[in-house]
Amino acid sequence: DAPEHQHVKCSKANCSDCFLVCIEETFHKVVEDFHDDGIPNKDILVIVNSSAHTKNSNGTFETEFLKSKHPDLNIRSYFEFDGCEAKVVIVIRNGGLLSFSISNAISRAVSRLVI
C-alpha cells in the first residue's frame, strides 16, 4: 500500500511526485514473485488506472514507463483493457474508488488479482 501521489507518471524521468516511480521496486518484486511461482509474462496483464487527479490522461506516460522497464509484460491503460483476460491481473491505481477498480478488474483475472 502506497500513499496517493500527484500523478501516476509524467514526462520527467525521476519525478518524486510520480506514483510509478515510488512503487517501481515493489512492482518489480511482485512480478518476480509470479515468475518464481512459474507464471510466465504472457499470463500477466497489468492495468494502469490513473487517479481522479489525472482522469483526462490517456495513460501514455504510464504505460510507456512500465513497458520500458518490463517489455515482455502485457501493459494496458485503463482505457485499453476492454476484452483482455489473463491468469494474473495486476491493477496499478493511484487513489480513487477501490470498488470501481475491483469491479472492472475482477472479471479479467482468471486466477489472481493484485490491486
Protein backbone atom coordinates (compact mmCIF):
# COMPACT_ATOMS: atom_id res chain seq x y z
CA ASP A 1 0.00 0.00 0.00
CA ALA A 2 1.46 3.34 -1.06
CA PRO A 3 0.25 6.89 -0.45
CA GLU A 4 -1.52 8.69 -3.28
CA HIS A 5 0.75 10.87 -5.40
CA GLN A 6 0.08 13.93 -7.53
CA HIS A 7 0.07 11.83 -10.70
CA VAL A 8 0.79 8.30 -11.88
CA LYS A 9 3.62 9.24 -14.29
CA CYS A 10 4.69 12.41 -16.03
CA SER A 11 7.25 13.11 -18.75
CA LYS A 12 10.11 13.59 -16.25
CA ALA A 13 12.42 10.59 -15.77
CA ASN A 14 12.62 10.65 -11.96
CA CYS A 15 9.83 12.85 -10.64
CA SER A 16 9.24 12.43 -6.89
CA ASP A 17 5.52 13.17 -7.43
CA CYS A 18 5.09 10.16 -9.76
CA PHE A 19 3.33 7.16 -8.24
CA LEU A 20 5.05 4.67 -10.57
CA VAL A 21 8.49 5.90 -9.56
CA CYS A 22 7.52 5.40 -5.90
CA ILE A 23 6.29 1.82 -6.39
CA GLU A 24 8.83 0.72 -9.02
CA GLU A 25 10.80 -1.56 -6.69
CA THR A 26 7.68 -3.14 -5.16
CA PHE A 27 6.11 -3.72 -8.58
CA HIS A 28 9.27 -5.44 -9.81
CA LYS A 29 9.20 -7.69 -6.72
CA VAL A 30 5.55 -8.66 -7.34
CA VAL A 31 6.35 -9.61 -10.94
CA GLU A 32 9.41 -11.59 -9.83
CA ASP A 33 7.29 -13.45 -7.26
CA PHE A 34 4.93 -14.53 -10.04
CA HIS A 35 7.92 -15.70 -12.09
CA ASP A 36 9.14 -17.67 -9.07
CA ASP A 37 5.69 -19.32 -8.94
CA GLY A 38 6.16 -20.41 -12.57
CA ILE A 39 3.85 -17.82 -14.12
CA PRO A 40 5.24 -16.52 -17.44
CA ASN A 41 4.96 -12.91 -18.61
CA LYS A 42 2.39 -13.88 -21.25
CA ASP A 43 -0.05 -14.78 -18.45
CA ILE A 44 0.27 -11.41 -16.67
CA LEU A 45 -1.86 -8.39 -17.58
CA VAL A 46 -1.05 -5.03 -15.99
CA ILE A 47 -3.78 -2.38 -15.99
CA VAL A 48 -2.69 1.16 -15.10
CA ASN A 49 -5.53 3.16 -13.60
CA SER A 50 -4.84 6.88 -13.13
CA SER A 51 -6.31 8.76 -10.17
CA ALA A 52 -9.03 11.34 -10.22
CA HIS A 53 -6.27 13.97 -10.47
CA THR A 54 -5.40 12.74 -13.96
CA LYS A 55 -8.63 11.21 -15.25
CA ASN A 56 -8.21 13.04 -18.55
CA SER A 57 -4.86 11.33 -19.12
CA ASN A 58 -4.77 8.70 -21.89
CA GLY A 59 -2.18 6.70 -19.95
CA THR A 60 0.69 7.20 -22.41
CA PHE A 61 3.40 8.17 -19.91
CA GLU A 62 2.28 5.45 -17.52
CA THR A 63 2.24 2.58 -19.99
CA GLU A 64 5.43 3.66 -21.78
CA PHE A 65 7.31 3.89 -18.48
CA LEU A 66 6.25 0.39 -17.44
CA LYS A 67 6.86 -1.06 -20.91
CA SER A 68 10.40 0.33 -20.83
CA LYS A 69 11.04 -1.48 -17.53
CA HIS A 70 9.05 -4.66 -18.34
CA PRO A 71 8.89 -5.00 -22.15
CA ASP A 72 7.59 -8.58 -22.06
CA LEU A 73 4.51 -7.83 -19.93
CA ASN A 74 1.09 -7.03 -21.38
CA ILE A 75 0.61 -3.49 -20.06
CA ARG A 76 -2.55 -1.53 -20.80
CA SER A 77 -4.00 1.74 -19.66
CA TYR A 78 -7.39 1.67 -18.00
CA PHE A 79 -8.87 2.81 -21.33
CA GLU A 80 -7.31 -0.05 -23.35
CA PHE A 81 -8.10 -3.21 -21.42
CA ASP A 82 -11.58 -3.97 -22.81
CA GLY A 83 -11.69 -7.59 -23.89
CA CYS A 84 -8.47 -8.51 -22.11
CA GLU A 85 -8.31 -11.54 -19.88
CA ALA A 86 -5.30 -13.11 -18.16
CA LYS A 87 -4.45 -15.65 -15.49
CA VAL A 88 -2.93 -12.84 -13.42
CA VAL A 89 -4.16 -9.26 -13.46
CA ILE A 90 -2.23 -6.52 -11.67
CA VAL A 91 -4.08 -3.22 -11.29
CA ILE A 92 -1.92 -0.21 -10.52
CA ARG A 93 -4.04 2.58 -9.12
CA ASN A 94 -3.21 5.93 -7.58
CA GLY A 95 -6.20 6.61 -5.36
CA GLY A 96 -9.80 6.79 -6.42
CA LEU A 97 -12.57 4.36 -5.54
CA LEU A 98 -11.28 0.87 -4.83
CA SER A 99 -14.69 -0.69 -5.53
CA PHE A 100 -14.58 0.69 -9.08
CA SER A 101 -11.14 -0.85 -9.71
CA ILE A 102 -12.20 -4.21 -8.29
CA SER A 103 -15.48 -4.43 -10.18
CA ASN A 104 -13.81 -3.73 -13.51
CA ALA A 105 -10.71 -5.87 -12.98
CA ILE A 106 -12.10 -8.96 -11.25
CA SER A 107 -13.76 -10.19 -14.43
CA ARG A 108 -10.38 -10.01 -16.24
CA ALA A 109 -8.45 -12.19 -13.77
CA VAL A 110 -8.70 -15.95 -14.26
CA SER A 111 -6.51 -16.97 -11.31
CA ARG A 112 -5.11 -13.99 -9.33
CA LEU A 113 -5.91 -10.32 -8.95
CA VAL A 114 -3.44 -7.87 -7.40
CA ILE A 115 -4.52 -4.28 -6.72
